Amino acid sequence: MQETRLDVEGLRQRAEQAIEESPYTQADVARELEVSRASVNRALKDTSPKLEKLRCRIVELLEPCRVERKRIFLLHPDSDE
């Protein structure tokens, strides 16, 4: 299987899709991950960075994959120098 690169919105969509295509409800997933159903719902509705880890856990629970969190910061030199 080939790796897939996702941005923040792509991860949110993948988590939402994983639940939709599974036989489980948001409540089932919340129970399994030991979080509230409201937290799962929020993770599927917005791209807040504080819910990123939960979205990763949802995908890992429902798909045969491991999600690696990466962040890249680009520093651009000033054009004056």
C-alpha atoms as a PDB file:
ATOM      1  CA  MET A   1       0.000   0.000   0.000  1.00  0.00           C
ATOM      2  CA  GLN A   2       1.294   3.449  -0.911  1.00  0.00           C
ATOM      3  CA  GLU A   3       1.441   6.262   1.616  1.00  0.00           C
ATOM      4  CA  THR A   4      -0.998   9.133   1.260  1.00  0.00           C
ATOM      5  CA  ARG A   5      -0.231  12.755   2.157  1.00  0.00           C
ATOM      6  CA  LEU A   6      -3.093  14.737   3.638  1.00  0.00           C
ATOM      7  CA  ASP A   7      -3.444  18.334   4.708  1.00  0.00           C
ATOM      8  CA  VAL A   8      -5.534  19.299   7.742  1.00  0.00           C
ATOM      9  CA  GLU A   9      -8.789  19.322   5.772  1.00  0.00           C
ATOM     10  CA  GLY A  10      -7.883  16.031   4.075  1.00  0.00           C
ATOM     11  CA  LEU A  11      -7.366  14.362   7.451  1.00  0.00           C
ATOM     12  CA  ARG A  12     -10.720  15.670   8.656  1.00  0.00           C
ATOM     13  CA  GLN A  13     -12.422  14.318   5.544  1.00  0.00           C
ATOM     14  CA  ARG A  14     -10.647  10.967   5.895  1.00  0.00           C
ATOM     15  CA  ALA A  15     -11.796  10.606   9.517  1.00  0.00           C
ATOM     16  CA  GLU A  16     -15.357  11.505   8.530  1.00  0.00           C
ATOM     17  CA  GLN A  17     -15.263   9.040   5.626  1.00  0.00           C
ATOM     18  CA  ALA A  18     -13.802   6.287   7.827  1.00  0.00           C
ATOM     19  CA  ILE A  19     -16.782   6.521  10.184  1.00  0.00           C
ATOM     20  CA  GLU A  20     -19.325   6.795   7.358  1.00  0.00           C
ATOM     21  CA  GLU A  21     -17.953   3.667   5.670  1.00  0.00           C
ATOM     22  CA  SER A  22     -17.678   1.661   8.884  1.00  0.00           C
ATOM     23  CA  PRO A  23     -20.490  -0.161  10.649  1.00  0.00           C
ATOM     24  CA  TYR A  24     -19.878   2.055  13.718  1.00  0.00           C
ATOM     25  CA  THR A  25     -21.563   5.211  14.904  1.00  0.00           C
ATOM     26  CA  GLN A  26     -19.810   8.272  16.301  1.00  0.00           C
ATOM     27  CA  ALA A  27     -20.910   7.074  19.747  1.00  0.00           C
ATOM     28  CA  ASP A  28     -19.259   3.666  19.149  1.00  0.00           C
ATOM     29  CA  VAL A  29     -16.013   5.318  18.085  1.00  0.00           C
ATOM     30  CA  ALA A  30     -16.119   7.689  21.059  1.00  0.00           C
ATOM     31  CA  ARG A  31     -16.572   4.761  23.451  1.00  0.00           C
ATOM     32  CA  GLU A  32     -13.680   2.857  21.895  1.00  0.00           C
ATOM     33  CA  LEU A  33     -11.380   5.889  22.060  1.00  0.00           C
ATOM     34  CA  GLU A  34     -12.627   6.862  25.543  1.00  0.00           C
ATOM     35  CA  VAL A  35     -13.683  10.372  24.539  1.00  0.00           C
ATOM     36  CA  SER A  36     -17.066  12.055  24.379  1.00  0.00           C
ATOM     37  CA  ARG A  37     -19.301  11.737  21.341  1.00  0.00           C
ATOM     38  CA  ALA A  38     -19.298  15.537  21.164  1.00  0.00           C
ATOM     39  CA  SER A  39     -15.477  15.483  20.792  1.00  0.00           C
ATOM     40  CA  VAL A  40     -15.720  13.020  17.905  1.00  0.00           C
ATOM     41  CA  ASN A  41     -18.398  15.179  16.286  1.00  0.00           C
ATOM     42  CA  ARG A  42     -16.259  18.327  16.647  1.00  0.00           C
ATOM     43  CA  ALA A  43     -13.232  16.492  15.189  1.00  0.00           C
ATOM     44  CA  LEU A  44     -15.306  15.688  12.100  1.00  0.00           C
ATOM     45  CA  LYS A  45     -16.791  19.173  11.691  1.00  0.00           C
ATOM     46  CA  ASP A  46     -13.860  21.568  12.068  1.00  0.00           C
ATOM     47  CA  THR A  47     -10.121  21.576  11.451  1.00  0.00           C
ATOM     48  CA  SER A  48      -9.013  22.940  14.811  1.00  0.00           C
ATOM     49  CA  PRO A  49      -5.407  21.885  15.520  1.00  0.00           C
ATOM     50  CA  LYS A  50      -6.356  20.768  19.029  1.00  0.00           C
ATOM     51  CA  LEU A  51      -8.529  17.997  17.510  1.00  0.00           C
ATOM     52  CA  GLU A  52      -5.836  16.776  15.115  1.00  0.00           C
ATOM     53  CA  LYS A  53      -4.682  13.961  17.395  1.00  0.00           C
ATOM     54  CA  LEU A  54      -8.260  12.692  17.756  1.00  0.00           C
ATOM     55  CA  ARG A  55      -8.727  12.687  13.976  1.00  0.00           C
ATOM     56  CA  CYS A  56      -5.531  10.615  13.674  1.00  0.00           C
ATOM     57  CA  ARG A  57      -6.825   8.154  16.281  1.00  0.00           C
ATOM     58  CA  ILE A  58     -10.172   7.811  14.459  1.00  0.00           C
ATOM     59  CA  VAL A  59      -8.456   6.977  11.169  1.00  0.00           C
ATOM     60  CA  GLU A  60      -6.073   4.526  12.856  1.00  0.00           C
ATOM     61  CA  LEU A  61      -8.968   2.818  14.625  1.00  0.00           C
ATOM     62  CA  LEU A  62     -11.057   2.319  11.505  1.00  0.00           C
ATOM     63  CA  GLU A  63      -8.467   1.860   8.747  1.00  0.00           C
ATOM     64  CA  PRO A  64      -5.499  -0.499   8.437  1.00  0.00           C
ATOM     65  CA  CYS A  65      -2.915   2.273   8.706  1.00  0.00           C
ATOM     66  CA  ARG A  66      -0.756   4.328  11.020  1.00  0.00           C
ATOM     67  CA  VAL A  67      -0.958   8.120  10.836  1.00  0.00           C
ATOM     68  CA  GLU A  68       2.318   9.968  11.154  1.00  0.00           C
ATOM     69  CA  ARG A  69       1.937  13.574  12.211  1.00  0.00           C
ATOM     70  CA  LYS A  70       4.373  15.905  10.465  1.00  0.00           C
ATOM     71  CA  ARG A  71       4.663  19.645  10.478  1.00  0.00           C
ATOM     72  CA  ILE A  72       6.898  21.675   8.245  1.00  0.00           C
ATOM     73  CA  PHE A  73       7.829  25.295   8.720  1.00  0.00           C
ATOM     74  CA  LEU A  74       9.485  27.151   5.868  1.00  0.00           C
ATOM     75  CA  LEU A  75      11.723  30.098   6.605  1.00  0.00           C
ATOM     76  CA  HIS A  76      12.219  32.470   3.709  1.00  0.00           C
ATOM     77  CA  PRO A  77      15.082  34.939   3.826  1.00  0.00           C
ATOM     78  CA  ASP A  78      14.269  38.598   3.377  1.00  0.00           C
ATOM     79  CA  SER A  79      14.777  39.711  -0.197  1.00  0.00           C
ATOM     80  CA  ASP A  80      16.841  42.705   1.020  1.00  0.00           C
ATOM     81  CA  GLU A  81      19.858  40.589   1.899  1.00  0.00           C
END
